[in-house]
Amino acid sequence: MQQRNEVILKALQECAEACDMCAESCLHEPMVADLVRCIKLDLDCAEVCHEAIRLIKRNSEIQTQFIEMCANVCKMCEEECEEHQDMHDHCRICADACRRCYEACQTFASVGR
C-alpha cells in the first residue's frame, strides 16, 4: 500500500509541476491566443492533481473515484499538449508527464476497487 501511494503521489506531483510550468510558458508565447485551451487544461490538471495528492495523503474514502476523474483530466491535457509539442518543448514535457500520471491513476484506481 505504501509503495502504491508513493508511485501515484510522485506521478501526481510531477504532473502538477509540468502543467504549472506549461501554463506559465504558454502565457509568454507570441501566439498565446492559440494556446488558451492548453493553458486552461494545464491549470485544471494541476489543480486536480494537487487535490488528488491531498485526498490520498489523508486516505479519503473518495480517493479512488477522484483519481478516476483525475485520469480523465490528465488524458485531456495530454492530448491538448500533444497538439503543440512540435512547436513548444514545454508542451512536450507536459504531455509526457500527463501520460505518466494518467497511467499511474489508472493503475491506482484499478487496484483500489
PDB file of N, CA and C in Angstrom:
ATOM      1  N   MET A   1       0.826  -1.200   0.000  1.00  0.00           N
ATOM      2  CA  MET A   1       0.000   0.000   0.000  1.00  0.00           C
ATOM      3  C   MET A   1       0.861   1.251   0.000  1.00  0.00           C
ATOM      4  N   GLN A   2       1.907   1.264   0.823  1.00  0.00           N
ATOM      5  CA  GLN A   2       2.793   2.425   0.907  1.00  0.00           C
ATOM      6  C   GLN A   2       3.481   2.685  -0.428  1.00  0.00           C
ATOM      7  N   GLN A   3       3.996   1.620  -1.066  1.00  0.00           N
ATOM      8  CA  GLN A   3       4.674   1.775  -2.351  1.00  0.00           C
ATOM      9  C   GLN A   3       3.698   2.257  -3.418  1.00  0.00           C
ATOM     10  N   ARG A   4       2.478   1.743  -3.385  1.00  0.00           N
ATOM     11  CA  ARG A   4       1.433   2.155  -4.325  1.00  0.00           C
ATOM     12  C   ARG A   4       1.186   3.646  -4.189  1.00  0.00           C
ATOM     13  N   ASN A   5       1.107   4.125  -2.951  1.00  0.00           N
ATOM     14  CA  ASN A   5       0.882   5.548  -2.722  1.00  0.00           C
ATOM     15  C   ASN A   5       2.076   6.380  -3.173  1.00  0.00           C
ATOM     16  N   GLU A   6       3.283   5.903  -2.956  1.00  0.00           N
ATOM     17  CA  GLU A   6       4.473   6.649  -3.367  1.00  0.00           C
ATOM     18  C   GLU A   6       4.504   6.836  -4.877  1.00  0.00           C
ATOM     19  N   VAL A   7       4.136   5.815  -5.617  1.00  0.00           N
ATOM     20  CA  VAL A   7       4.148   5.881  -7.079  1.00  0.00           C
ATOM     21  C   VAL A   7       3.138   6.919  -7.572  1.00  0.00           C
ATOM     22  N   ILE A   8       1.915   6.853  -7.075  1.00  0.00           N
ATOM     23  CA  ILE A   8       0.882   7.787  -7.539  1.00  0.00           C
ATOM     24  C   ILE A   8       1.189   9.210  -7.082  1.00  0.00           C
ATOM     25  N   LEU A   9       1.668   9.360  -5.858  1.00  0.00           N
ATOM     26  CA  LEU A   9       1.978  10.710  -5.367  1.00  0.00           C
ATOM     27  C   LEU A   9       3.089  11.354  -6.191  1.00  0.00           C
ATOM     28  N   LYS A  10       4.088  10.582  -6.551  1.00  0.00           N
ATOM     29  CA  LYS A  10       5.185  11.111  -7.377  1.00  0.00           C
ATOM     30  C   LYS A  10       4.665  11.514  -8.757  1.00  0.00           C
ATOM     31  N   ALA A  11       3.850  10.684  -9.365  1.00  0.00           N
ATOM     32  CA  ALA A  11       3.299  10.986 -10.691  1.00  0.00           C
ATOM     33  C   ALA A  11       2.404  12.222 -10.647  1.00  0.00           C
ATOM     34  N   LEU A  12       1.590  12.324  -9.608  1.00  0.00           N
ATOM     35  CA  LEU A  12       0.701  13.481  -9.472  1.00  0.00           C
ATOM     36  C   LEU A  12       1.498  14.768  -9.280  1.00  0.00           C
ATOM     37  N   GLN A  13       2.529  14.714  -8.452  1.00  0.00           N
ATOM     38  CA  GLN A  13       3.349  15.902  -8.194  1.00  0.00           C
ATOM     39  C   GLN A  13       4.087  16.339  -9.463  1.00  0.00           C
ATOM     40  N   GLU A  14       4.673  15.393 -10.162  1.00  0.00           N
ATOM     41  CA  GLU A  14       5.386  15.715 -11.398  1.00  0.00           C
ATOM     42  C   GLU A  14       4.444  16.277 -12.453  1.00  0.00           C
ATOM     43  N   CYS A  15       3.252  15.735 -12.527  1.00  0.00           N
ATOM     44  CA  CYS A  15       2.274  16.214 -13.496  1.00  0.00           C
ATOM     45  C   CYS A  15       1.839  17.639 -13.154  1.00  0.00           C
ATOM     46  N   ALA A  16       1.532  17.873 -11.891  1.00  0.00           N
ATOM     47  CA  ALA A  16       1.115  19.216 -11.466  1.00  0.00           C
ATOM     48  C   ALA A  16       2.202  20.241 -11.771  1.00  0.00           C
ATOM     49  N   GLU A  17       3.438  19.896 -11.500  1.00  0.00           N
ATOM     50  CA  GLU A  17       4.551  20.812 -11.760  1.00  0.00           C
ATOM     51  C   GLU A  17       4.715  21.070 -13.259  1.00  0.00           C
ATOM     52  N   ALA A  18       4.608  20.012 -14.066  1.00  0.00           N
ATOM     53  CA  ALA A  18       4.737  20.178 -15.516  1.00  0.00           C
ATOM     54  C   ALA A  18       3.593  21.026 -16.074  1.00  0.00           C
ATOM     55  N   CYS A  19       2.398  20.821 -15.557  1.00  0.00           N
ATOM     56  CA  CYS A  19       1.247  21.595 -16.020  1.00  0.00           C
ATOM     57  C   CYS A  19       1.377  23.067 -15.626  1.00  0.00           C
ATOM     58  N   ASP A  20       1.807  23.317 -14.400  1.00  0.00           N
ATOM     59  CA  ASP A  20       2.027  24.704 -13.972  1.00  0.00           C
ATOM     60  C   ASP A  20       3.080  25.373 -14.853  1.00  0.00           C
ATOM     61  N   MET A  21       4.165  24.665 -15.121  1.00  0.00           N
ATOM     62  CA  MET A  21       5.239  25.199 -15.953  1.00  0.00           C
ATOM     63  C   MET A  21       4.751  25.443 -17.380  1.00  0.00           C
ATOM     64  N   CYS A  22       3.973  24.526 -17.909  1.00  0.00           N
ATOM     65  CA  CYS A  22       3.468  24.656 -19.274  1.00  0.00           C
ATOM     66  C   CYS A  22       2.525  25.857 -19.381  1.00  0.00           C
ATOM     67  N   ALA A  23       1.621  25.994 -18.436  1.00  0.00           N
ATOM     68  CA  ALA A  23       0.692  27.129 -18.460  1.00  0.00           C
ATOM     69  C   ALA A  23       1.456  28.449 -18.419  1.00  0.00           C
ATOM     70  N   GLU A  24       2.418  28.546 -17.531  1.00  0.00           N
ATOM     71  CA  GLU A  24       3.220  29.765 -17.413  1.00  0.00           C
ATOM     72  C   GLU A  24       3.994  30.025 -18.705  1.00  0.00           C
ATOM     73  N   SER A  25       4.576  29.003 -19.276  1.00  0.00           N
ATOM     74  CA  SER A  25       5.340  29.158 -20.521  1.00  0.00           C
ATOM     75  C   SER A  25       4.434  29.541 -21.689  1.00  0.00           C
ATOM     76  N   CYS A  26       3.248  28.937 -21.747  1.00  0.00           N
ATOM     77  CA  CYS A  26       2.300  29.268 -22.819  1.00  0.00           C
ATOM     78  C   CYS A  26       1.920  30.744 -22.789  1.00  0.00           C
ATOM     79  N   LEU A  27       1.803  31.298 -21.593  1.00  0.00           N
ATOM     80  CA  LEU A  27       1.424  32.708 -21.464  1.00  0.00           C
ATOM     81  C   LEU A  27       2.452  33.651 -22.081  1.00  0.00           C
ATOM     82  N   HIS A  28       3.673  33.178 -22.271  1.00  0.00           N
ATOM     83  CA  HIS A  28       4.739  34.005 -22.821  1.00  0.00           C
ATOM     84  C   HIS A  28       5.023  33.717 -24.296  1.00  0.00           C
ATOM     85  N   GLU A  29       4.219  32.866 -24.890  1.00  0.00           N
ATOM     86  CA  GLU A  29       4.393  32.553 -26.311  1.00  0.00           C
ATOM     87  C   GLU A  29       3.777  33.671 -27.159  1.00  0.00           C
ATOM     88  N   PRO A  30       4.351  33.932 -28.335  1.00  0.00           N
ATOM     89  CA  PRO A  30       3.850  35.005 -29.195  1.00  0.00           C
ATOM     90  C   PRO A  30       2.394  34.801 -29.637  1.00  0.00           C
ATOM     91  N   MET A  31       1.998  33.572 -29.875  1.00  0.00           N
ATOM     92  CA  MET A  31       0.634  33.274 -30.332  1.00  0.00           C
ATOM     93  C   MET A  31      -0.197  32.710 -29.174  1.00  0.00           C
ATOM     94  N   VAL A  32      -0.211  33.413 -28.066  1.00  0.00           N
ATOM     95  CA  VAL A  32      -0.874  32.926 -26.855  1.00  0.00           C
ATOM     96  C   VAL A  32      -2.360  32.639 -27.087  1.00  0.00           C
ATOM     97  N   ALA A  33      -2.981  33.358 -27.985  1.00  0.00           N
ATOM     98  CA  ALA A  33      -4.405  33.134 -28.264  1.00  0.00           C
ATOM     99  C   ALA A  33      -4.659  31.720 -28.776  1.00  0.00           C
ATOM    100  N   ASP A  34      -3.662  31.142 -29.452  1.00  0.00           N
ATOM    101  CA  ASP A  34      -3.800  29.777 -29.954  1.00  0.00           C
ATOM    102  C   ASP A  34      -3.628  28.731 -28.853  1.00  0.00           C
ATOM    103  N   LEU A  35      -3.215  29.167 -27.680  1.00  0.00           N
ATOM    104  CA  LEU A  35      -2.909  28.249 -26.584  1.00  0.00           C
ATOM    105  C   LEU A  35      -3.871  28.366 -25.405  1.00  0.00           C
ATOM    106  N   VAL A  36      -4.977  29.057 -25.591  1.00  0.00           N
ATOM    107  CA  VAL A  36      -5.920  29.283 -24.488  1.00  0.00           C
ATOM    108  C   VAL A  36      -6.435  27.967 -23.912  1.00  0.00           C
ATOM    109  N   ARG A  37      -6.859  27.044 -24.762  1.00  0.00           N
ATOM    110  CA  ARG A  37      -7.366  25.751 -24.260  1.00  0.00           C
ATOM    111  C   ARG A  37      -6.254  24.992 -23.534  1.00  0.00           C
ATOM    112  N   CYS A  38      -5.050  25.054 -24.068  1.00  0.00           N
ATOM    113  CA  CYS A  38      -3.915  24.394 -23.436  1.00  0.00           C
ATOM    114  C   CYS A  38      -3.683  24.964 -22.034  1.00  0.00           C
ATOM    115  N   ILE A  39      -3.683  26.266 -21.920  1.00  0.00           N
ATOM    116  CA  ILE A  39      -3.463  26.922 -20.629  1.00  0.00           C
ATOM    117  C   ILE A  39      -4.549  26.520 -19.635  1.00  0.00           C
ATOM    118  N   LYS A  40      -5.801  26.564 -20.077  1.00  0.00           N
ATOM    119  CA  LYS A  40      -6.912  26.211 -19.185  1.00  0.00           C
ATOM    120  C   LYS A  40      -6.814  24.760 -18.710  1.00  0.00           C
ATOM    121  N   LEU A  41      -6.513  23.853 -19.631  1.00  0.00           N
ATOM    122  CA  LEU A  41      -6.386  22.447 -19.240  1.00  0.00           C
ATOM    123  C   LEU A  41      -5.167  22.229 -18.346  1.00  0.00           C
ATOM    124  N   ASP A  42      -4.076  22.942 -18.618  1.00  0.00           N
ATOM    125  CA  ASP A  42      -2.906  22.859 -17.734  1.00  0.00           C
ATOM    126  C   ASP A  42      -3.288  23.239 -16.308  1.00  0.00           C
ATOM    127  N   LEU A  43      -3.991  24.347 -16.173  1.00  0.00           N
ATOM    128  CA  LEU A  43      -4.376  24.823 -14.839  1.00  0.00           C
ATOM    129  C   LEU A  43      -5.349  23.864 -14.163  1.00  0.00           C
ATOM    130  N   ASP A  44      -6.312  23.362 -14.931  1.00  0.00           N
ATOM    131  CA  ASP A  44      -7.266  22.381 -14.379  1.00  0.00           C
ATOM    132  C   ASP A  44      -6.546  21.122 -13.935  1.00  0.00           C
ATOM    133  N   CYS A  45      -5.661  20.633 -14.775  1.00  0.00           N
ATOM    134  CA  CYS A  45      -4.951  19.390 -14.473  1.00  0.00           C
ATOM    135  C   CYS A  45      -4.074  19.559 -13.226  1.00  0.00           C
ATOM    136  N   ALA A  46      -3.360  20.662 -13.151  1.00  0.00           N
ATOM    137  CA  ALA A  46      -2.519  20.905 -11.975  1.00  0.00           C
ATOM    138  C   ALA A  46      -3.364  20.942 -10.707  1.00  0.00           C
ATOM    139  N   GLU A  47      -4.487  21.619 -10.759  1.00  0.00           N
ATOM    140  CA  GLU A  47      -5.360  21.734  -9.592  1.00  0.00           C
ATOM    141  C   GLU A  47      -5.918  20.376  -9.177  1.00  0.00           C
ATOM    142  N   VAL A  48      -6.357  19.595 -10.150  1.00  0.00           N
ATOM    143  CA  VAL A  48      -6.904  18.266  -9.856  1.00  0.00           C
ATOM    144  C   VAL A  48      -5.819  17.368  -9.260  1.00  0.00           C
ATOM    145  N   CYS A  49      -4.618  17.449  -9.800  1.00  0.00           N
ATOM    146  CA  CYS A  49      -3.516  16.639  -9.266  1.00  0.00           C
ATOM    147  C   CYS A  49      -3.185  17.031  -7.827  1.00  0.00           C
ATOM    148  N   HIS A  50      -3.162  18.330  -7.552  1.00  0.00           N
ATOM    149  CA  HIS A  50      -2.892  18.783  -6.177  1.00  0.00           C
ATOM    150  C   HIS A  50      -3.973  18.282  -5.210  1.00  0.00           C
ATOM    151  N   GLU A  51      -5.220  18.330  -5.643  1.00  0.00           N
ATOM    152  CA  GLU A  51      -6.305  17.848  -4.777  1.00  0.00           C
ATOM    153  C   GLU A  51      -6.215  16.335  -4.591  1.00  0.00           C
ATOM    154  N   ALA A  52      -5.867  15.620  -5.631  1.00  0.00           N
ATOM    155  CA  ALA A  52      -5.716  14.167  -5.517  1.00  0.00           C
ATOM    156  C   ALA A  52      -4.633  13.820  -4.499  1.00  0.00           C
ATOM    157  N   ILE A  53      -3.546  14.568  -4.504  1.00  0.00           N
ATOM    158  CA  ILE A  53      -2.477  14.355  -3.519  1.00  0.00           C
ATOM    159  C   ILE A  53      -3.034  14.515  -2.106  1.00  0.00           C
ATOM    160  N   ARG A  54      -3.795  15.577  -1.890  1.00  0.00           N
ATOM    161  CA  ARG A  54      -4.369  15.806  -0.551  1.00  0.00           C
ATOM    162  C   ARG A  54      -5.301  14.663  -0.134  1.00  0.00           C
ATOM    163  N   LEU A  55      -6.128  14.189  -1.060  1.00  0.00           N
ATOM    164  CA  LEU A  55      -7.065  13.109  -0.741  1.00  0.00           C
ATOM    165  C   LEU A  55      -6.340  11.807  -0.411  1.00  0.00           C
ATOM    166  N   ILE A  56      -5.298  11.497  -1.165  1.00  0.00           N
ATOM    167  CA  ILE A  56      -4.533  10.271  -0.908  1.00  0.00           C
ATOM    168  C   ILE A  56      -3.818  10.366   0.431  1.00  0.00           C
ATOM    169  N   LYS A  57      -3.218  11.506   0.696  1.00  0.00           N
ATOM    170  CA  LYS A  57      -2.469  11.658   1.946  1.00  0.00           C
ATOM    171  C   LYS A  57      -3.357  11.519   3.175  1.00  0.00           C
ATOM    172  N   ARG A  58      -4.612  11.895   3.060  1.00  0.00           N
ATOM    173  CA  ARG A  58      -5.500  11.735   4.215  1.00  0.00           C
ATOM    174  C   ARG A  58      -6.379  10.494   4.113  1.00  0.00           C
ATOM    175  N   ASN A  59      -6.060   9.639   3.118  1.00  0.00           N
ATOM    176  CA  ASN A  59      -6.759   8.372   2.938  1.00  0.00           C
ATOM    177  C   ASN A  59      -8.275   8.551   2.842  1.00  0.00           C
ATOM    178  N   SER A  60      -8.675   9.513   2.035  1.00  0.00           N
ATOM    179  CA  SER A  60     -10.093   9.810   1.846  1.00  0.00           C
ATOM    180  C   SER A  60     -10.819   8.615   1.239  1.00  0.00           C
ATOM    181  N   GLU A  61     -12.047   8.425   1.650  1.00  0.00           N
ATOM    182  CA  GLU A  61     -12.819   7.317   1.088  1.00  0.00           C
ATOM    183  C   GLU A  61     -13.249   7.589  -0.355  1.00  0.00           C
ATOM    184  N   ILE A  62     -13.118   8.822  -0.829  1.00  0.00           N
ATOM    185  CA  ILE A  62     -13.459   9.130  -2.219  1.00  0.00           C
ATOM    186  C   ILE A  62     -12.225   9.174  -3.123  1.00  0.00           C
ATOM    187  N   GLN A  63     -11.070   8.809  -2.598  1.00  0.00           N
ATOM    188  CA  GLN A  63      -9.842   8.948  -3.385  1.00  0.00           C
ATOM    189  C   GLN A  63      -9.874   8.162  -4.695  1.00  0.00           C
ATOM    190  N   THR A  64     -10.397   6.958  -4.693  1.00  0.00           N
ATOM    191  CA  THR A  64     -10.400   6.156  -5.916  1.00  0.00           C
ATOM    192  C   THR A  64     -11.269   6.802  -6.990  1.00  0.00           C
ATOM    193  N   GLN A  65     -12.450   7.263  -6.622  1.00  0.00           N
ATOM    194  CA  GLN A  65     -13.325   7.921  -7.587  1.00  0.00           C
ATOM    195  C   GLN A  65     -12.691   9.215  -8.106  1.00  0.00           C
ATOM    196  N   PHE A  66     -12.042   9.950  -7.217  1.00  0.00           N
ATOM    197  CA  PHE A  66     -11.411  11.200  -7.620  1.00  0.00           C
ATOM    198  C   PHE A  66     -10.231  10.930  -8.560  1.00  0.00           C
ATOM    199  N   ILE A  67      -9.482   9.886  -8.271  1.00  0.00           N
ATOM    200  CA  ILE A  67      -8.339   9.530  -9.113  1.00  0.00           C
ATOM    201  C   ILE A  67      -8.813   9.136 -10.511  1.00  0.00           C
ATOM    202  N   GLU A  68      -9.960   8.488 -10.610  1.00  0.00           N
ATOM    203  CA  GLU A  68     -10.506   8.156 -11.930  1.00  0.00           C
ATOM    204  C   GLU A  68     -10.805   9.429 -12.719  1.00  0.00           C
ATOM    205  N   MET A  69     -11.378  10.428 -12.064  1.00  0.00           N
ATOM    206  CA  MET A  69     -11.646  11.708 -12.708  1.00  0.00           C
ATOM    207  C   MET A  69     -10.332  12.406 -13.058  1.00  0.00           C
ATOM    208  N   CYS A  70      -9.360  12.311 -12.175  1.00  0.00           N
ATOM    209  CA  CYS A  70      -8.050  12.901 -12.408  1.00  0.00           C
ATOM    210  C   CYS A  70      -7.414  12.283 -13.654  1.00  0.00           C
ATOM    211  N   ALA A  71      -7.555  10.991 -13.821  1.00  0.00           N
ATOM    212  CA  ALA A  71      -7.016  10.316 -15.008  1.00  0.00           C
ATOM    213  C   ALA A  71      -7.623  10.910 -16.276  1.00  0.00           C
ATOM    214  N   ASN A  72      -8.915  11.173 -16.250  1.00  0.00           N
ATOM    215  CA  ASN A  72      -9.589  11.753 -17.420  1.00  0.00           C
ATOM    216  C   ASN A  72      -9.054  13.148 -17.742  1.00  0.00           C
ATOM    217  N   VAL A  73      -8.828  13.954 -16.712  1.00  0.00           N
ATOM    218  CA  VAL A  73      -8.300  15.307 -16.919  1.00  0.00           C
ATOM    219  C   VAL A  73      -6.868  15.228 -17.452  1.00  0.00           C
ATOM    220  N   CYS A  74      -6.075  14.322 -16.903  1.00  0.00           N
ATOM    221  CA  CYS A  74      -4.701  14.143 -17.395  1.00  0.00           C
ATOM    222  C   CYS A  74      -4.696  13.751 -18.861  1.00  0.00           C
ATOM    223  N   LYS A  75      -5.605  12.879 -19.252  1.00  0.00           N
ATOM    224  CA  LYS A  75      -5.695  12.445 -20.648  1.00  0.00           C
ATOM    225  C   LYS A  75      -6.064  13.618 -21.555  1.00  0.00           C
ATOM    226  N   MET A  76      -7.017  14.423 -21.129  1.00  0.00           N
ATOM    227  CA  MET A  76      -7.409  15.594 -21.913  1.00  0.00           C
ATOM    228  C   MET A  76      -6.234  16.558 -22.082  1.00  0.00           C
ATOM    229  N   CYS A  77      -5.520  16.812 -21.004  1.00  0.00           N
ATOM    230  CA  CYS A  77      -4.385  17.723 -21.035  1.00  0.00           C
ATOM    231  C   CYS A  77      -3.267  17.152 -21.915  1.00  0.00           C
ATOM    232  N   GLU A  78      -3.017  15.869 -21.772  1.00  0.00           N
ATOM    233  CA  GLU A  78      -2.004  15.208 -22.603  1.00  0.00           C
ATOM    234  C   GLU A  78      -2.322  15.404 -24.086  1.00  0.00           C
ATOM    235  N   GLU A  79      -3.555  15.137 -24.464  1.00  0.00           N
ATOM    236  CA  GLU A  79      -3.952  15.235 -25.867  1.00  0.00           C
ATOM    237  C   GLU A  79      -3.837  16.666 -26.388  1.00  0.00           C
ATOM    238  N   GLU A  80      -4.211  17.632 -25.570  1.00  0.00           N
ATOM    239  CA  GLU A  80      -4.090  19.037 -25.987  1.00  0.00           C
ATOM    240  C   GLU A  80      -2.630  19.439 -26.138  1.00  0.00           C
ATOM    241  N   CYS A  81      -1.812  19.089 -25.181  1.00  0.00           N
ATOM    242  CA  CYS A  81      -0.391  19.453 -25.258  1.00  0.00           C
ATOM    243  C   CYS A  81       0.304  18.769 -26.430  1.00  0.00           C
ATOM    244  N   GLU A  82      -0.117  17.556 -26.753  1.00  0.00           N
ATOM    245  CA  GLU A  82       0.466  16.854 -27.899  1.00  0.00           C
ATOM    246  C   GLU A  82       0.260  17.632 -29.197  1.00  0.00           C
ATOM    247  N   GLU A  83      -0.833  18.379 -29.287  1.00  0.00           N
ATOM    248  CA  GLU A  83      -1.094  19.163 -30.485  1.00  0.00           C
ATOM    249  C   GLU A  83      -0.081  20.296 -30.663  1.00  0.00           C
ATOM    250  N   HIS A  84       0.579  20.701 -29.597  1.00  0.00           N
ATOM    251  CA  HIS A  84       1.501  21.835 -29.644  1.00  0.00           C
ATOM    252  C   HIS A  84       2.957  21.432 -29.405  1.00  0.00           C
ATOM    253  N   GLN A  85       3.208  20.171 -29.165  1.00  0.00           N
ATOM    254  CA  GLN A  85       4.539  19.742 -28.734  1.00  0.00           C
ATOM    255  C   GLN A  85       5.620  19.926 -29.794  1.00  0.00           C
ATOM    256  N   ASP A  86       5.263  19.953 -31.063  1.00  0.00           N
ATOM    257  CA  ASP A  86       6.272  20.166 -32.102  1.00  0.00           C
ATOM    258  C   ASP A  86       6.796  21.604 -32.108  1.00  0.00           C
ATOM    259  N   MET A  87       5.959  22.526 -31.642  1.00  0.00           N
ATOM    260  CA  MET A  87       6.364  23.932 -31.609  1.00  0.00           C
ATOM    261  C   MET A  87       6.870  24.378 -30.245  1.00  0.00           C
ATOM    262  N   HIS A  88       6.431  23.683 -29.189  1.00  0.00           N
ATOM    263  CA  HIS A  88       6.736  24.132 -27.831  1.00  0.00           C
ATOM    264  C   HIS A  88       7.233  22.957 -26.986  1.00  0.00           C
ATOM    265  N   ASP A  89       8.469  23.023 -26.566  1.00  0.00           N
ATOM    266  CA  ASP A  89       9.066  21.959 -25.761  1.00  0.00           C
ATOM    267  C   ASP A  89       8.325  21.776 -24.440  1.00  0.00           C
ATOM    268  N   HIS A  90       7.845  22.869 -23.861  1.00  0.00           N
ATOM    269  CA  HIS A  90       7.112  22.760 -22.591  1.00  0.00           C
ATOM    270  C   HIS A  90       5.835  21.951 -22.751  1.00  0.00           C
ATOM    271  N   CYS A  91       5.224  21.995 -23.920  1.00  0.00           N
ATOM    272  CA  CYS A  91       4.032  21.176 -24.162  1.00  0.00           C
ATOM    273  C   CYS A  91       4.395  19.695 -24.275  1.00  0.00           C
ATOM    274  N   ARG A  92       5.552  19.404 -24.860  1.00  0.00           N
ATOM    275  CA  ARG A  92       6.012  18.012 -24.938  1.00  0.00           C
ATOM    276  C   ARG A  92       6.282  17.459 -23.546  1.00  0.00           C
ATOM    277  N   ILE A  93       6.952  18.253 -22.726  1.00  0.00           N
ATOM    278  CA  ILE A  93       7.255  17.835 -21.357  1.00  0.00           C
ATOM    279  C   ILE A  93       5.958  17.602 -20.577  1.00  0.00           C
ATOM    280  N   CYS A  94       5.015  18.501 -20.752  1.00  0.00           N
ATOM    281  CA  CYS A  94       3.727  18.385 -20.056  1.00  0.00           C
ATOM    282  C   CYS A  94       2.956  17.153 -20.539  1.00  0.00           C
ATOM    283  N   ALA A  95       2.917  16.940 -21.843  1.00  0.00           N
ATOM    284  CA  ALA A  95       2.207  15.774 -22.380  1.00  0.00           C
ATOM    285  C   ALA A  95       2.793  14.484 -21.824  1.00  0.00           C
ATOM    286  N   ASP A  96       4.115  14.414 -21.738  1.00  0.00           N
ATOM    287  CA  ASP A  96       4.769  13.219 -21.188  1.00  0.00           C
ATOM    288  C   ASP A  96       4.400  13.005 -19.724  1.00  0.00           C
ATOM    289  N   ALA A  97       4.413  14.077 -18.941  1.00  0.00           N
ATOM    290  CA  ALA A  97       4.062  13.970 -17.518  1.00  0.00           C
ATOM    291  C   ALA A  97       2.599  13.586 -17.347  1.00  0.00           C
ATOM    292  N   CYS A  98       1.735  14.156 -18.165  1.00  0.00           N
ATOM    293  CA  CYS A  98       0.309  13.819 -18.095  1.00  0.00           C
ATOM    294  C   CYS A  98       0.076  12.354 -18.461  1.00  0.00           C
ATOM    295  N   ARG A  99       0.809  11.866 -19.447  1.00  0.00           N
ATOM    296  CA  ARG A  99       0.682  10.458 -19.854  1.00  0.00           C
ATOM    297  C   ARG A  99       1.085   9.527 -18.710  1.00  0.00           C
ATOM    298  N   ARG A 100       2.213   9.835 -18.083  1.00  0.00           N
ATOM    299  CA  ARG A 100       2.670   9.005 -16.954  1.00  0.00           C
ATOM    300  C   ARG A 100       1.668   9.071 -15.792  1.00  0.00           C
ATOM    301  N   CYS A 101       1.121  10.244 -15.551  1.00  0.00           N
ATOM    302  CA  CYS A 101       0.160  10.389 -14.453  1.00  0.00           C
ATOM    303  C   CYS A 101      -1.138   9.653 -14.780  1.00  0.00           C
ATOM    304  N   TYR A 102      -1.581   9.753 -16.005  1.00  0.00           N
ATOM    305  CA  TYR A 102      -2.769   9.024 -16.438  1.00  0.00           C
ATOM    306  C   TYR A 102      -2.601   7.529 -16.174  1.00  0.00           C
ATOM    307  N   GLU A 103      -1.454   7.001 -16.575  1.00  0.00           N
ATOM    308  CA  GLU A 103      -1.190   5.574 -16.381  1.00  0.00           C
ATOM    309  C   GLU A 103      -1.136   5.216 -14.896  1.00  0.00           C
ATOM    310  N   ALA A 104      -0.508   6.067 -14.092  1.00  0.00           N
ATOM    311  CA  ALA A 104      -0.436   5.815 -12.645  1.00  0.00           C
ATOM    312  C   ALA A 104      -1.825   5.881 -12.017  1.00  0.00           C
ATOM    313  N   CYS A 105      -2.639   6.810 -12.468  1.00  0.00           N
ATOM    314  CA  CYS A 105      -4.008   6.929 -11.950  1.00  0.00           C
ATOM    315  C   CYS A 105      -4.833   5.701 -12.316  1.00  0.00           C
ATOM    316  N   GLN A 106      -4.680   5.228 -13.549  1.00  0.00           N
ATOM    317  CA  GLN A 106      -5.405   4.032 -13.990  1.00  0.00           C
ATOM    318  C   GLN A 106      -5.030   2.831 -13.120  1.00  0.00           C
ATOM    319  N   THR A 107      -3.749   2.671 -12.870  1.00  0.00           N
ATOM    320  CA  THR A 107      -3.272   1.550 -12.047  1.00  0.00           C
ATOM    321  C   THR A 107      -3.808   1.687 -10.627  1.00  0.00           C
ATOM    322  N   PHE A 108      -3.689   2.883 -10.048  1.00  0.00           N
ATOM    323  CA  PHE A 108      -4.154   3.124  -8.676  1.00  0.00           C
ATOM    324  C   PHE A 108      -5.654   2.836  -8.562  1.00  0.00           C
ATOM    325  N   ALA A 109      -6.430   3.321  -9.496  1.00  0.00           N
ATOM    326  CA  ALA A 109      -7.889   3.136  -9.436  1.00  0.00           C
ATOM    327  C   ALA A 109      -8.280   1.673  -9.605  1.00  0.00           C
ATOM    328  N   SER A 110      -7.576   0.958 -10.472  1.00  0.00           N
ATOM    329  CA  SER A 110      -7.936  -0.455 -10.691  1.00  0.00           C
ATOM    330  C   SER A 110      -7.594  -1.310  -9.475  1.00  0.00           C
ATOM    331  N   VAL A 111      -6.533  -0.978  -8.765  1.00  0.00           N
ATOM    332  CA  VAL A 111      -6.152  -1.717  -7.563  1.00  0.00           C
ATOM    333  C   VAL A 111      -7.081  -1.362  -6.406  1.00  0.00           C
ATOM    334  N   GLY A 112      -7.575  -0.115  -6.414  1.00  0.00           N
ATOM    335  CA  GLY A 112      -8.407   0.363  -5.316  1.00  0.00           C
ATOM    336  C   GLY A 112      -9.825  -0.157  -5.330  1.00  0.00           C
ATOM    337  N   ARG A 113     -10.187  -0.856  -6.353  1.00  0.00           N
ATOM    338  CA  ARG A 113     -11.577  -1.365  -6.450  1.00  0.00           C
ATOM    339  C   ARG A 113     -11.740  -2.676  -5.745  1.00  0.00           C
TER     340      ARG A 113
END
